[in-house]
C-alpha atoms as a PDB file:
ATOM      1  CA  MET A   1     -35.526 -50.091 -51.528  1.00  0.00           C
ATOM      2  CA  LYS A   2     -37.769 -53.185 -50.376  1.00  0.00           C
ATOM      3  CA  CYS A   3     -34.349 -55.432 -51.133  1.00  0.00           C
ATOM      4  CA  ILE A   4     -32.343 -52.658 -48.652  1.00  0.00           C
ATOM      5  CA  LEU A   5     -35.415 -52.672 -46.168  1.00  0.00           C
ATOM      6  CA  LYS A   6     -35.493 -56.591 -46.230  1.00  0.00           C
ATOM      7  CA  VAL A   7     -31.266 -56.790 -45.949  1.00  0.00           C
ATOM      8  CA  GLY A   8     -32.030 -54.434 -42.779  1.00  0.00           C
ATOM      9  CA  CYS A   9     -34.247 -56.800 -41.094  1.00  0.00           C
ATOM     10  CA  VAL A  10     -31.683 -59.589 -41.971  1.00  0.00           C
ATOM     11  CA  ALA A  11     -28.870 -57.367 -40.165  1.00  0.00           C
ATOM     12  CA  ILE A  12     -30.822 -56.290 -37.055  1.00  0.00           C
ATOM     13  CA  CYS A  13     -31.959 -60.310 -36.963  1.00  0.00           C
ATOM     14  CA  LEU A  14     -28.265 -61.565 -37.226  1.00  0.00           C
ATOM     15  CA  ILE A  15     -26.741 -58.943 -34.838  1.00  0.00           C
ATOM     16  CA  LEU A  16     -29.462 -60.042 -32.224  1.00  0.00           C
ATOM     17  CA  SER A  17     -28.915 -63.189 -32.437  1.00  0.00           C
ATOM     18  CA  ASN A  18     -24.895 -63.093 -32.529  1.00  0.00           C
ATOM     19  CA  ILE A  19     -25.452 -63.436 -28.470  1.00  0.00           C
ATOM     20  CA  VAL A  20     -21.917 -65.771 -28.145  1.00  0.00           C
ATOM     21  CA  LEU A  21     -20.039 -62.482 -28.978  1.00  0.00           C
ATOM     22  CA  ALA A  22     -21.623 -59.989 -27.028  1.00  0.00           C
ATOM     23  CA  VAL A  23     -21.115 -62.026 -23.631  1.00  0.00           C
ATOM     24  CA  ASP A  24     -17.288 -61.351 -24.275  1.00  0.00           C
ATOM     25  CA  CYS A  25     -17.731 -58.216 -25.488  1.00  0.00           C
ATOM     26  CA  ASN A  26     -18.067 -54.730 -24.127  1.00  0.00           C
ATOM     27  CA  SER A  27     -19.878 -51.682 -25.137  1.00  0.00           C
ATOM     28  CA  GLN A  28     -17.294 -50.237 -26.824  1.00  0.00           C
ATOM     29  CA  CYS A  29     -16.441 -53.937 -28.565  1.00  0.00           C
ATOM     30  CA  GLN A  30     -20.414 -53.804 -29.078  1.00  0.00           C
ATOM     31  CA  LEU A  31     -20.512 -50.928 -31.184  1.00  0.00           C
ATOM     32  CA  THR A  32     -17.551 -51.418 -33.143  1.00  0.00           C
ATOM     33  CA  GLN A  33     -18.978 -55.158 -34.217  1.00  0.00           C
ATOM     34  CA  ILE A  34     -22.202 -53.046 -35.169  1.00  0.00           C
ATOM     35  CA  GLU A  35     -20.378 -50.553 -36.965  1.00  0.00           C
ATOM     36  CA  ALA A  36     -18.756 -53.208 -38.945  1.00  0.00           C
ATOM     37  CA  TYR A  37     -21.950 -54.807 -39.943  1.00  0.00           C
ATOM     38  CA  PHE A  38     -23.755 -51.882 -41.601  1.00  0.00           C
ATOM     39  CA  THR A  39     -20.461 -51.254 -43.240  1.00  0.00           C
ATOM     40  CA  ALA A  40     -20.766 -54.325 -44.584  1.00  0.00           C
ATOM     41  CA  LEU A  41     -24.235 -54.125 -45.242  1.00  0.00           C
ATOM     42  CA  ASP A  42     -24.172 -50.707 -47.043  1.00  0.00           C
ATOM     43  CA  LYS A  43     -21.506 -52.031 -49.009  1.00  0.00           C
ATOM     44  CA  MET A  44     -22.953 -55.421 -50.174  1.00  0.00           C
ATOM     45  CA  SER A  45     -26.094 -53.584 -50.848  1.00  0.00           C
ATOM     46  CA  ARG A  46     -24.911 -50.922 -53.291  1.00  0.00           C
ATOM     47  CA  LYS A  47     -24.930 -51.634 -56.946  1.00  0.00           C
ATOM     48  CA  GLY A  48     -21.908 -53.468 -58.209  1.00  0.00           C
ATOM     49  CA  SER A  49     -21.215 -55.458 -55.357  1.00  0.00           C
ATOM     50  CA  SER A  50     -20.113 -58.629 -55.398  1.00  0.00           C
ATOM     51  CA  ILE A  51     -19.832 -62.217 -53.831  1.00  0.00           C
ATOM     52  CA  ASN A  52     -16.827 -61.279 -51.417  1.00  0.00           C
ATOM     53  CA  ASP A  53     -19.534 -58.241 -49.779  1.00  0.00           C
ATOM     54  CA  ILE A  54     -21.504 -61.103 -49.058  1.00  0.00           C
ATOM     55  CA  ASP A  55     -19.163 -63.140 -47.365  1.00  0.00           C
ATOM     56  CA  THR A  56     -17.706 -60.242 -45.422  1.00  0.00           C
ATOM     57  CA  LEU A  57     -21.616 -59.532 -43.910  1.00  0.00           C
ATOM     58  CA  LEU A  58     -22.067 -62.993 -43.407  1.00  0.00           C
ATOM     59  CA  SER A  59     -18.298 -63.515 -41.682  1.00  0.00           C
ATOM     60  CA  LEU A  60     -20.063 -61.116 -39.212  1.00  0.00           C
ATOM     61  CA  THR A  61     -22.702 -63.310 -38.082  1.00  0.00           C
ATOM     62  CA  HIS A  62     -22.923 -66.745 -35.995  1.00  0.00           C
ATOM     63  CA  ASP A  63     -23.230 -69.478 -37.282  1.00  0.00           C
ATOM     64  CA  ASP A  64     -26.543 -70.365 -35.934  1.00  0.00           C
ATOM     65  CA  VAL A  65     -28.107 -67.663 -36.574  1.00  0.00           C
ATOM     66  CA  GLU A  66     -32.087 -67.836 -37.722  1.00  0.00           C
ATOM     67  CA  TYR A  67     -33.770 -65.036 -40.125  1.00  0.00           C
ATOM     68  CA  ILE A  68     -37.724 -65.479 -39.738  1.00  0.00           C
ATOM     69  CA  HIS A  69     -39.584 -62.533 -41.878  1.00  0.00           C
ATOM     70  CA  VAL A  70     -42.995 -62.994 -41.109  1.00  0.00           C
ATOM     71  CA  ALA A  71     -44.777 -61.332 -43.851  1.00  0.00           C
ATOM     72  CA  TYR A  72     -43.381 -63.839 -46.136  1.00  0.00           C
ATOM     73  CA  GLY A  73     -43.140 -66.953 -44.246  1.00  0.00           C
ATOM     74  CA  ALA A  74     -39.549 -67.016 -44.413  1.00  0.00           C
ATOM     75  CA  HIS A  75     -37.622 -68.458 -41.525  1.00  0.00           C
ATOM     76  CA  PHE A  76     -33.843 -69.489 -43.042  1.00  0.00           C
ATOM     77  CA  THR A  77     -30.642 -70.366 -41.523  1.00  0.00           C
ATOM     78  CA  LYS A  78     -27.575 -68.406 -42.411  1.00  0.00           C
ATOM     79  CA  VAL A  79     -26.826 -70.823 -45.005  1.00  0.00           C
ATOM     80  CA  VAL A  80     -30.159 -70.851 -46.921  1.00  0.00           C
ATOM     81  CA  GLY A  81     -29.804 -67.078 -45.770  1.00  0.00           C
ATOM     82  CA  ALA A  82     -26.652 -66.653 -47.784  1.00  0.00           C
ATOM     83  CA  LYS A  83     -28.094 -68.823 -50.824  1.00  0.00           C
ATOM     84  CA  ARG A  84     -30.926 -65.930 -51.354  1.00  0.00           C
ATOM     85  CA  LEU A  85     -28.353 -63.374 -51.006  1.00  0.00           C
ATOM     86  CA  TYR A  86     -26.596 -65.034 -53.727  1.00  0.00           C
ATOM     87  CA  GLU A  87     -29.149 -65.406 -55.692  1.00  0.00           C
ATOM     88  CA  THR A  88     -30.317 -61.927 -55.230  1.00  0.00           C
ATOM     89  CA  LEU A  89     -26.953 -60.655 -56.373  1.00  0.00           C
ATOM     90  CA  ASN A  90     -27.025 -62.629 -59.229  1.00  0.00           C
ATOM     91  CA  GLY A  91     -30.858 -61.380 -60.477  1.00  0.00           C
ATOM     92  CA  VAL A  92     -32.647 -64.108 -59.784  1.00  0.00           C
ATOM     93  CA  ARG A  93     -35.804 -63.686 -58.205  1.00  0.00           C
ATOM     94  CA  ILE A  94     -37.466 -65.654 -56.049  1.00  0.00           C
ATOM     95  CA  LYS A  95     -41.200 -66.408 -56.934  1.00  0.00           C
ATOM     96  CA  THR A  96     -42.287 -68.895 -54.052  1.00  0.00           C
ATOM     97  CA  GLN A  97     -42.825 -68.137 -50.413  1.00  0.00           C
ATOM     98  CA  VAL A  98     -39.942 -70.039 -48.788  1.00  0.00           C
ATOM     99  CA  LYS A  99     -40.598 -71.820 -45.431  1.00  0.00           C
ATOM    100  CA  ILE A 100     -37.121 -73.468 -44.645  1.00  0.00           C
ATOM    101  CA  LYS A 101     -34.861 -74.263 -41.181  1.00  0.00           C
END
């Protein structure tokens, strides 16, 4: 459950930071993007998900996105966030608090 909550927080940050697409995208376009994002997030969060599911999720975000988790002191770029998602998928537990930009 904690993992899903964390991924949900990432999702919201990623969606809100995708300003470039939002400028050229009307409300229906934005709704379609949000639905696609949460569908990809749901698929990635389920048991049996794959690297391909993570890649699909990340493809829906802007390259300059940053994820900030105040409680853990984390500050991830998209690249570092992707690495963390891949590690989580492979069962690697991150034991240290990370502050990376």
